[in-house]
Amino acid sequence: MNILADCVFTANVITIARAAGKAILTIYNAPETANIQTKDDDSPLTAADLAAHHLIVRELPLLLDIPIISEEAEVPPLAERKNWPAYWLIDPLDGTKEFIARNGQFTVNIALIVNGVPVLGVVHLPVGDETYFGIDHSIAADKQTRSEKYINGEKVLDLQTRPLAERYSARQSLDILMSLRHGSAEQTVLIAKLESRWPAPLNALSAGSSLKFCWIAEARADFYPRLAPTSEWDTAAAQAVLVAAGGLIVRADDLQPLKYNSQESVLNPFFFALGDASFDWPSILK
């Protein structure tokens, strides 16, 4: 989509994410107004989720008037959405449990999906006013800055995943991100496999929400296995950030890239978020 080469357009998406973050912080800083509820799937819902949702779905059509899928709205059936060439996919507040726990590790996720692929993603961390941005390099206005980080609206870093072949040869640690709240027996088996195949100790790190992908994009970690349920709005924006920085998100069963809007359910398969897409990951994962 040629519109993605327009720097003003992409800057405006970031502006919307930051505005949603400010709406979230208004409630975060006044916990008595959070109005915590439980949805039908037993996940929490707060006034902050809804405030961010309403702001984003009001503003995005002013930039590009295409369908929107949000965690906080009913998802159209596949028979309708499979014909969409492009749509917005948003999680207005990713990490509601982190919001309630008041640990600061929650994000605003906005992605633009074209033909099942996230071609633009913004992940905004309201606490600290940090924003991660990624765009498909083939259509970016500046081919040298495909993935970026901003603080207080000012660019601070061009994101690039950490080269791994050198770390492997030098017997340096593999830094693995673990979810703060989701583990599984499958994950335990995987870690044992990696310990037998990586020539140095593994180093476990923890982070909440889609921040895990962003840490890989900025070379703070190398690998995030997700062998527990997630939804497409949890991953799409961060996938765009990570891929633009030189990483990859693949399905755990066949190591093929994670794609979107191809099934009735919006649940993702189990997946791996990988730093350094050029590394021989199959040699240690299969």
Foldseek 3Di string as FASTA:
>chain_A
DLCQQPPVLQLVVLVLFQVLLVLLVVCLVVVVQFCWDADPVRDIHTPSQVSLVVSCVVPPVVSPNDAEAEPPDDDDFLVPCVPGQKYKYWYSKFPVVCSVVVPQQIWTWIFIDGNFAGQKIWTFRSVQGKIKIAGNLVNYNDNVQGIFMDGPSHTDDRWAADDCVVCQVVLHEAEEEEEPPDDDPVNVVLLVLLCVPRSHYHHYDYGYFLVRLVCRRRHNHFKYWFQDKDFQNRPRRSQRNNVSNQWFKAALPPRHGWTASPDRGRIGHTIMTGHHPVDPVVVRRD
